[in-house]
Amino acid sequence: MDGIADLGGTPGWGPVHPPARDEPVFAEAWQRRAFALAILSGRVASGGVNVDAFRHALERLDRAAYFDDGYYGRWLNAGELMLHDSAVLAPGAIDARARNLRGEHVTEPPSPEPHRPDYAPTAEGSLRTVDTAPAFTVGERVRARAASVPGHTRLPRYARGRTGTVQAVQPASVLPDTNAHFQGENPQYVYSVRFDSRELWGVDAEPFALTVEMYESYLEAAA
């Protein structure tokens, strides 16, 4: 979906600053707790590890929940959203509990009846085996499909409708577009596609090449 997380190629964010060599993994103690809680929440809500469902929760956050609480804050917000989706937590339950811990006296919503998805991955990790041959070959010109996807996708907006060249054919992998919605793994080959920067952002772009990993269903043969 065209959510807030799809920032690639959008202007107005300033230069990218690489992290310092001695940068800690967690700058503050609460961040490591938020990290652990987000992972636990995703597993409880999904009935297993589903990274794509977690990413879909991230991209559904509003602007404040995505930006204002920082990187690990947004992870925690996404975990909470997944718990709401599966009715493990009632909406407003965390806010009410926090207020009570501060000494306020508010009524906490009753615990709902959970409705977790019937989900179980077919194997560990995301790599899978498919019986068909790859649809595209190294050196072939391909175009990323231009359609806007209402649900989750890993096809970035800046690449849609743009033409590039297949540089490598990668093993088949679980398709995030369906897996995020618990609609099946639908494994597909993944292609490393090389794009010219001016194809992506116009003739005034700084000249360089960008390689994007794309699932087979994201691509079509270029005319």
C-alpha atoms as a PDB file:
ATOM      1  CA  MET A   1       0.000   0.000   0.000  1.00  0.00           C
ATOM      2  CA  ASP A   2       1.054   3.598  -0.431  1.00  0.00           C
ATOM      3  CA  GLY A   3       1.648   4.057   3.268  1.00  0.00           C
ATOM      4  CA  ILE A   4       3.821   6.370   5.291  1.00  0.00           C
ATOM      5  CA  ALA A   5       6.695   3.875   5.317  1.00  0.00           C
ATOM      6  CA  ASP A   6       7.242   4.144   1.534  1.00  0.00           C
ATOM      7  CA  LEU A   7       9.693   7.058   1.776  1.00  0.00           C
ATOM      8  CA  GLY A   8      12.216   5.973  -0.867  1.00  0.00           C
ATOM      9  CA  GLY A   9      12.870   8.679  -3.422  1.00  0.00           C
ATOM     10  CA  THR A  10      10.609  11.259  -1.772  1.00  0.00           C
ATOM     11  CA  PRO A  11      12.126  14.737  -1.333  1.00  0.00           C
ATOM     12  CA  GLY A  12      12.333  16.923   1.741  1.00  0.00           C
ATOM     13  CA  TRP A  13      14.095  14.628   4.219  1.00  0.00           C
ATOM     14  CA  GLY A  14      17.578  16.093   3.921  1.00  0.00           C
ATOM     15  CA  PRO A  15      20.846  14.170   3.537  1.00  0.00           C
ATOM     16  CA  VAL A  16      21.365  10.647   4.810  1.00  0.00           C
ATOM     17  CA  HIS A  17      23.811  10.447   7.709  1.00  0.00           C
ATOM     18  CA  PRO A  18      25.560   7.093   8.106  1.00  0.00           C
ATOM     19  CA  PRO A  19      25.686   5.768  11.675  1.00  0.00           C
ATOM     20  CA  ALA A  20      28.827   6.221  13.745  1.00  0.00           C
ATOM     21  CA  ARG A  21      31.073   3.173  14.083  1.00  0.00           C
ATOM     22  CA  ASP A  22      30.585   3.090  17.850  1.00  0.00           C
ATOM     23  CA  GLU A  23      26.847   3.784  17.767  1.00  0.00           C
ATOM     24  CA  PRO A  24      25.091   1.588  20.354  1.00  0.00           C
ATOM     25  CA  VAL A  25      22.345  -0.776  19.259  1.00  0.00           C
ATOM     26  CA  PHE A  26      20.059   0.752  21.877  1.00  0.00           C
ATOM     27  CA  ALA A  27      20.733   4.340  22.873  1.00  0.00           C
ATOM     28  CA  GLU A  28      18.344   4.142  25.846  1.00  0.00           C
ATOM     29  CA  ALA A  29      17.160   1.307  28.081  1.00  0.00           C
ATOM     30  CA  TRP A  30      13.501   1.637  27.036  1.00  0.00           C
ATOM     31  CA  GLN A  31      14.444   0.913  23.421  1.00  0.00           C
ATOM     32  CA  ARG A  32      15.584  -2.638  24.105  1.00  0.00           C
ATOM     33  CA  ARG A  33      12.372  -3.309  26.000  1.00  0.00           C
ATOM     34  CA  ALA A  34      10.309  -1.844  23.158  1.00  0.00           C
ATOM     35  CA  PHE A  35      12.203  -4.025  20.674  1.00  0.00           C
ATOM     36  CA  ALA A  36      11.487  -7.180  22.685  1.00  0.00           C
ATOM     37  CA  LEU A  37       7.833  -6.257  23.235  1.00  0.00           C
ATOM     38  CA  ALA A  38       7.311  -5.588  19.513  1.00  0.00           C
ATOM     39  CA  ILE A  39       8.691  -9.010  18.556  1.00  0.00           C
ATOM     40  CA  LEU A  40       6.632 -10.741  21.238  1.00  0.00           C
ATOM     41  CA  SER A  41       3.485  -8.843  20.232  1.00  0.00           C
ATOM     42  CA  GLY A  42       3.881  -9.856  16.598  1.00  0.00           C
ATOM     43  CA  ARG A  43       4.246 -13.523  17.515  1.00  0.00           C
ATOM     44  CA  VAL A  44       1.272 -13.478  19.875  1.00  0.00           C
ATOM     45  CA  ALA A  45      -0.923 -11.663  17.366  1.00  0.00           C
ATOM     46  CA  SER A  46       0.047 -13.813  14.373  1.00  0.00           C
ATOM     47  CA  GLY A  47       0.421 -17.206  15.985  1.00  0.00           C
ATOM     48  CA  GLY A  48       4.004 -17.276  14.697  1.00  0.00           C
ATOM     49  CA  VAL A  49       6.695 -15.124  13.130  1.00  0.00           C
ATOM     50  CA  ASN A  50       5.311 -13.144  10.185  1.00  0.00           C
ATOM     51  CA  VAL A  51       7.666 -10.290   9.304  1.00  0.00           C
ATOM     52  CA  ASP A  52       5.425  -9.171   6.451  1.00  0.00           C
ATOM     53  CA  ALA A  53       2.410  -8.721   8.739  1.00  0.00           C
ATOM     54  CA  PHE A  54       4.599  -6.648  11.047  1.00  0.00           C
ATOM     55  CA  ARG A  55       5.761  -4.454   8.160  1.00  0.00           C
ATOM     56  CA  HIS A  56       2.150  -3.999   7.102  1.00  0.00           C
ATOM     57  CA  ALA A  57       1.340  -2.815  10.623  1.00  0.00           C
ATOM     58  CA  LEU A  58       4.193  -0.299  10.417  1.00  0.00           C
ATOM     59  CA  GLU A  59       2.922   1.171   7.163  1.00  0.00           C
ATOM     60  CA  ARG A  60      -0.600   1.559   8.601  1.00  0.00           C
ATOM     61  CA  LEU A  61       0.525   3.800  11.467  1.00  0.00           C
ATOM     62  CA  ASP A  62      -0.492   7.442  11.376  1.00  0.00           C
ATOM     63  CA  ARG A  63       2.135  10.148  11.054  1.00  0.00           C
ATOM     64  CA  ALA A  64       2.493  10.751  14.801  1.00  0.00           C
ATOM     65  CA  ALA A  65       2.788   7.057  15.669  1.00  0.00           C
ATOM     66  CA  TYR A  66       5.339   6.533  12.875  1.00  0.00           C
ATOM     67  CA  PHE A  67       7.597   9.552  13.383  1.00  0.00           C
ATOM     68  CA  ASP A  68       7.142  11.096  16.823  1.00  0.00           C
ATOM     69  CA  ASP A  69       8.195   8.111  18.946  1.00  0.00           C
ATOM     70  CA  GLY A  70      11.366   7.303  17.028  1.00  0.00           C
ATOM     71  CA  TYR A  71      12.475   4.028  15.473  1.00  0.00           C
ATOM     72  CA  TYR A  72      11.806   1.685  18.385  1.00  0.00           C
ATOM     73  CA  GLY A  73       8.691   3.615  19.348  1.00  0.00           C
ATOM     74  CA  ARG A  74       7.204   2.874  15.951  1.00  0.00           C
ATOM     75  CA  TRP A  75       8.017  -0.822  16.423  1.00  0.00           C
ATOM     76  CA  LEU A  76       6.120  -0.773  19.700  1.00  0.00           C
ATOM     77  CA  ASN A  77       3.179   1.026  18.073  1.00  0.00           C
ATOM     78  CA  ALA A  78       3.081  -1.559  15.280  1.00  0.00           C
ATOM     79  CA  GLY A  79       3.070  -4.399  17.804  1.00  0.00           C
ATOM     80  CA  GLU A  80       0.162  -2.783  19.620  1.00  0.00           C
ATOM     81  CA  LEU A  81      -1.749  -2.425  16.340  1.00  0.00           C
ATOM     82  CA  MET A  82      -1.268  -6.129  15.583  1.00  0.00           C
ATOM     83  CA  LEU A  83      -2.595  -7.038  19.048  1.00  0.00           C
ATOM     84  CA  HIS A  84      -5.666  -4.907  18.352  1.00  0.00           C
ATOM     85  CA  ASP A  85      -6.129  -6.561  14.932  1.00  0.00           C
ATOM     86  CA  SER A  86      -6.202 -10.027  16.474  1.00  0.00           C
ATOM     87  CA  ALA A  87      -8.316  -8.860  19.447  1.00  0.00           C
ATOM     88  CA  VAL A  88      -5.688  -9.923  21.953  1.00  0.00           C
ATOM     89  CA  LEU A  89      -6.021  -6.388  23.317  1.00  0.00           C
ATOM     90  CA  ALA A  90      -9.054  -4.143  23.277  1.00  0.00           C
ATOM     91  CA  PRO A  91      -8.582  -0.664  21.757  1.00  0.00           C
ATOM     92  CA  GLY A  92      -7.618   1.738  24.514  1.00  0.00           C
ATOM     93  CA  ALA A  93      -6.494  -1.009  26.904  1.00  0.00           C
ATOM     94  CA  ILE A  94      -2.856   0.096  27.024  1.00  0.00           C
ATOM     95  CA  ASP A  95      -3.709   3.768  27.543  1.00  0.00           C
ATOM     96  CA  ALA A  96      -6.129   2.883  30.339  1.00  0.00           C
ATOM     97  CA  ARG A  97      -3.558   0.642  32.057  1.00  0.00           C
ATOM     98  CA  ALA A  98      -0.903   3.361  31.796  1.00  0.00           C
ATOM     99  CA  ARG A  99      -3.250   5.899  33.389  1.00  0.00           C
ATOM    100  CA  ASN A 100      -4.016   3.543  36.248  1.00  0.00           C
ATOM    101  CA  LEU A 101      -0.293   2.942  36.815  1.00  0.00           C
ATOM    102  CA  ARG A 102       0.095   6.723  37.105  1.00  0.00           C
ATOM    103  CA  GLY A 103      -2.444   6.723  39.930  1.00  0.00           C
ATOM    104  CA  GLU A 104      -5.543   7.618  37.971  1.00  0.00           C
ATOM    105  CA  HIS A 105      -8.674   5.568  38.366  1.00  0.00           C
ATOM    106  CA  VAL A 106     -10.171   4.728  34.977  1.00  0.00           C
ATOM    107  CA  THR A 107     -12.135   1.733  33.811  1.00  0.00           C
ATOM    108  CA  GLU A 108     -10.101  -0.587  31.628  1.00  0.00           C
ATOM    109  CA  PRO A 109     -11.947  -2.146  28.677  1.00  0.00           C
ATOM    110  CA  PRO A 110     -12.763  -5.847  29.067  1.00  0.00           C
ATOM    111  CA  SER A 111     -10.536  -8.355  27.347  1.00  0.00           C
ATOM    112  CA  PRO A 112     -12.077  -9.383  24.000  1.00  0.00           C
ATOM    113  CA  GLU A 113     -12.212 -12.867  22.535  1.00  0.00           C
ATOM    114  CA  PRO A 114      -9.028 -13.213  20.431  1.00  0.00           C
ATOM    115  CA  HIS A 115      -9.350 -14.103  16.752  1.00  0.00           C
ATOM    116  CA  ARG A 116      -5.786 -14.800  15.705  1.00  0.00           C
ATOM    117  CA  PRO A 117      -5.197 -15.830  12.072  1.00  0.00           C
ATOM    118  CA  ASP A 118      -4.843 -19.517  11.279  1.00  0.00           C
ATOM    119  CA  TYR A 119      -1.203 -19.151  10.361  1.00  0.00           C
ATOM    120  CA  ALA A 120       1.719 -21.544  10.165  1.00  0.00           C
ATOM    121  CA  PRO A 121       4.715 -21.071   7.839  1.00  0.00           C
ATOM    122  CA  THR A 122       5.545 -24.081   5.670  1.00  0.00           C
ATOM    123  CA  ALA A 123       9.252 -23.855   6.519  1.00  0.00           C
ATOM    124  CA  GLU A 124      11.734 -21.732   8.419  1.00  0.00           C
ATOM    125  CA  GLY A 125      12.844 -18.464   6.880  1.00  0.00           C
ATOM    126  CA  SER A 126      11.488 -17.041   3.630  1.00  0.00           C
ATOM    127  CA  LEU A 127      13.253 -19.075   0.910  1.00  0.00           C
ATOM    128  CA  ARG A 128      11.090 -21.642  -0.876  1.00  0.00           C
ATOM    129  CA  THR A 129      11.252 -23.965  -3.909  1.00  0.00           C
ATOM    130  CA  VAL A 130       8.969 -23.597  -6.942  1.00  0.00           C
ATOM    131  CA  ASP A 131       8.515 -26.027  -9.832  1.00  0.00           C
ATOM    132  CA  THR A 132       8.385 -23.480 -12.660  1.00  0.00           C
ATOM    133  CA  ALA A 133      11.300 -21.816 -14.431  1.00  0.00           C
ATOM    134  CA  PRO A 134      11.979 -18.087 -13.938  1.00  0.00           C
ATOM    135  CA  ALA A 135       9.936 -15.862 -16.249  1.00  0.00           C
ATOM    136  CA  PHE A 136      12.862 -13.472 -16.885  1.00  0.00           C
ATOM    137  CA  THR A 137      16.552 -13.934 -17.607  1.00  0.00           C
ATOM    138  CA  VAL A 138      19.731 -12.027 -16.830  1.00  0.00           C
ATOM    139  CA  GLY A 139      20.166  -9.126 -19.251  1.00  0.00           C
ATOM    140  CA  GLU A 140      16.461  -8.892 -20.091  1.00  0.00           C
ATOM    141  CA  ARG A 141      14.770  -5.502 -20.051  1.00  0.00           C
ATOM    142  CA  VAL A 142      11.795  -5.432 -17.686  1.00  0.00           C
ATOM    143  CA  ARG A 143       9.292  -2.890 -16.446  1.00  0.00           C
ATOM    144  CA  ALA A 144       7.969  -2.638 -12.927  1.00  0.00           C
ATOM    145  CA  ARG A 145       4.186  -2.719 -12.898  1.00  0.00           C
ATOM    146  CA  ALA A 146       2.590   0.683 -12.401  1.00  0.00           C
ATOM    147  CA  ALA A 147      -0.496  -0.390 -10.446  1.00  0.00           C
ATOM    148  CA  SER A 148      -1.079   0.932  -6.945  1.00  0.00           C
ATOM    149  CA  VAL A 149      -1.575  -1.925  -4.489  1.00  0.00           C
ATOM    150  CA  PRO A 150      -4.300  -1.477  -1.836  1.00  0.00           C
ATOM    151  CA  GLY A 151      -2.642  -3.922   0.585  1.00  0.00           C
ATOM    152  CA  HIS A 152       0.957  -4.632   1.507  1.00  0.00           C
ATOM    153  CA  THR A 153       3.680  -4.676  -1.138  1.00  0.00           C
ATOM    154  CA  ARG A 154       7.446  -4.383  -1.333  1.00  0.00           C
ATOM    155  CA  LEU A 155       7.290  -2.647  -4.728  1.00  0.00           C
ATOM    156  CA  PRO A 156       8.389   0.946  -4.036  1.00  0.00           C
ATOM    157  CA  ARG A 157       6.443   3.803  -5.587  1.00  0.00           C
ATOM    158  CA  TYR A 158       9.496   5.370  -7.206  1.00  0.00           C
ATOM    159  CA  ALA A 159      10.097   2.232  -9.315  1.00  0.00           C
ATOM    160  CA  ARG A 160       6.551   1.666 -10.578  1.00  0.00           C
ATOM    161  CA  GLY A 161       6.264   1.953 -14.329  1.00  0.00           C
ATOM    162  CA  ARG A 162      10.046   2.281 -14.701  1.00  0.00           C
ATOM    163  CA  THR A 163      12.257   0.144 -16.935  1.00  0.00           C
ATOM    164  CA  GLY A 164      15.452  -1.617 -15.893  1.00  0.00           C
ATOM    165  CA  THR A 165      17.642  -4.620 -16.626  1.00  0.00           C
ATOM    166  CA  VAL A 166      17.727  -7.946 -14.809  1.00  0.00           C
ATOM    167  CA  GLN A 167      21.149  -8.375 -13.208  1.00  0.00           C
ATOM    168  CA  ALA A 168      20.545 -11.632 -11.314  1.00  0.00           C
ATOM    169  CA  VAL A 169      17.849 -14.217 -10.676  1.00  0.00           C
ATOM    170  CA  GLN A 170      17.550 -14.968  -6.966  1.00  0.00           C
ATOM    171  CA  PRO A 171      15.915 -18.023  -5.340  1.00  0.00           C
ATOM    172  CA  ALA A 172      12.157 -18.070  -4.833  1.00  0.00           C
ATOM    173  CA  SER A 173      10.875 -16.449  -1.678  1.00  0.00           C
ATOM    174  CA  VAL A 174       7.592 -15.970   0.169  1.00  0.00           C
ATOM    175  CA  LEU A 175       5.577 -13.150  -1.441  1.00  0.00           C
ATOM    176  CA  PRO A 176       5.024 -10.383   1.138  1.00  0.00           C
ATOM    177  CA  ASP A 177       1.888  -9.123  -0.635  1.00  0.00           C
ATOM    178  CA  THR A 178      -0.104 -12.221   0.328  1.00  0.00           C
ATOM    179  CA  ASN A 179       1.815 -13.376   3.395  1.00  0.00           C
ATOM    180  CA  ALA A 180       1.232 -10.068   5.193  1.00  0.00           C
ATOM    181  CA  HIS A 181      -2.514 -10.699   4.989  1.00  0.00           C
ATOM    182  CA  PHE A 182      -2.255 -14.414   5.908  1.00  0.00           C
ATOM    183  CA  GLN A 183      -3.439 -15.366   2.416  1.00  0.00           C
ATOM    184  CA  GLY A 184      -0.704 -17.882   1.651  1.00  0.00           C
ATOM    185  CA  GLU A 185       3.008 -17.782   0.963  1.00  0.00           C
ATOM    186  CA  ASN A 186       2.735 -17.731  -2.857  1.00  0.00           C
ATOM    187  CA  PRO A 187       6.539 -18.079  -3.371  1.00  0.00           C
ATOM    188  CA  GLN A 188       8.054 -16.406  -6.419  1.00  0.00           C
ATOM    189  CA  TYR A 189      11.469 -15.848  -7.927  1.00  0.00           C
ATOM    190  CA  VAL A 190      13.160 -12.614  -6.932  1.00  0.00           C
ATOM    191  CA  TYR A 191      15.097 -10.529  -9.467  1.00  0.00           C
ATOM    192  CA  SER A 192      17.865  -8.003  -8.960  1.00  0.00           C
ATOM    193  CA  VAL A 193      16.871  -5.243 -11.378  1.00  0.00           C
ATOM    194  CA  ARG A 194      19.254  -2.407 -12.208  1.00  0.00           C
ATOM    195  CA  PHE A 195      17.735   1.020 -12.876  1.00  0.00           C
ATOM    196  CA  ASP A 196      19.343   4.210 -14.119  1.00  0.00           C
ATOM    197  CA  SER A 197      18.717   7.049 -11.672  1.00  0.00           C
ATOM    198  CA  ARG A 198      17.428   9.273 -14.472  1.00  0.00           C
ATOM    199  CA  GLU A 199      14.871   6.634 -15.422  1.00  0.00           C
ATOM    200  CA  LEU A 200      13.600   6.747 -11.850  1.00  0.00           C
ATOM    201  CA  TRP A 201      13.796  10.478 -11.067  1.00  0.00           C
ATOM    202  CA  GLY A 202      14.204  12.332 -14.368  1.00  0.00           C
ATOM    203  CA  VAL A 203      17.005  13.804 -16.431  1.00  0.00           C
ATOM    204  CA  ASP A 204      18.136  16.171 -13.681  1.00  0.00           C
ATOM    205  CA  ALA A 205      18.934  13.357 -11.255  1.00  0.00           C
ATOM    206  CA  GLU A 206      22.526  12.696 -10.242  1.00  0.00           C
ATOM    207  CA  PRO A 207      23.735   9.873 -12.538  1.00  0.00           C
ATOM    208  CA  PHE A 208      24.107   6.515 -10.807  1.00  0.00           C
ATOM    209  CA  ALA A 209      22.672   2.992 -10.980  1.00  0.00           C
ATOM    210  CA  LEU A 210      20.310   1.545  -8.384  1.00  0.00           C
ATOM    211  CA  THR A 211      19.577  -2.162  -7.975  1.00  0.00           C
ATOM    212  CA  VAL A 212      16.162  -3.118  -6.567  1.00  0.00           C
ATOM    213  CA  GLU A 213      15.108  -6.634  -5.545  1.00  0.00           C
ATOM    214  CA  MET A 214      11.720  -7.408  -7.139  1.00  0.00           C
ATOM    215  CA  TYR A 215       9.321 -10.325  -6.998  1.00  0.00           C
ATOM    216  CA  GLU A 216       8.283 -11.897 -10.285  1.00  0.00           C
ATOM    217  CA  SER A 217       4.702 -10.614 -10.125  1.00  0.00           C
ATOM    218  CA  TYR A 218       6.029  -7.047  -9.851  1.00  0.00           C
ATOM    219  CA  LEU A 219       7.548  -7.230 -13.340  1.00  0.00           C
ATOM    220  CA  GLU A 220       6.545  -7.435 -16.972  1.00  0.00           C
ATOM    221  CA  ALA A 221       8.631  -7.649 -20.132  1.00  0.00           C
ATOM    222  CA  ALA A 222       9.593  -4.238 -21.504  1.00  0.00           C
ATOM    223  CA  ALA A 223       8.483  -3.460 -25.036  1.00  0.00           C
END
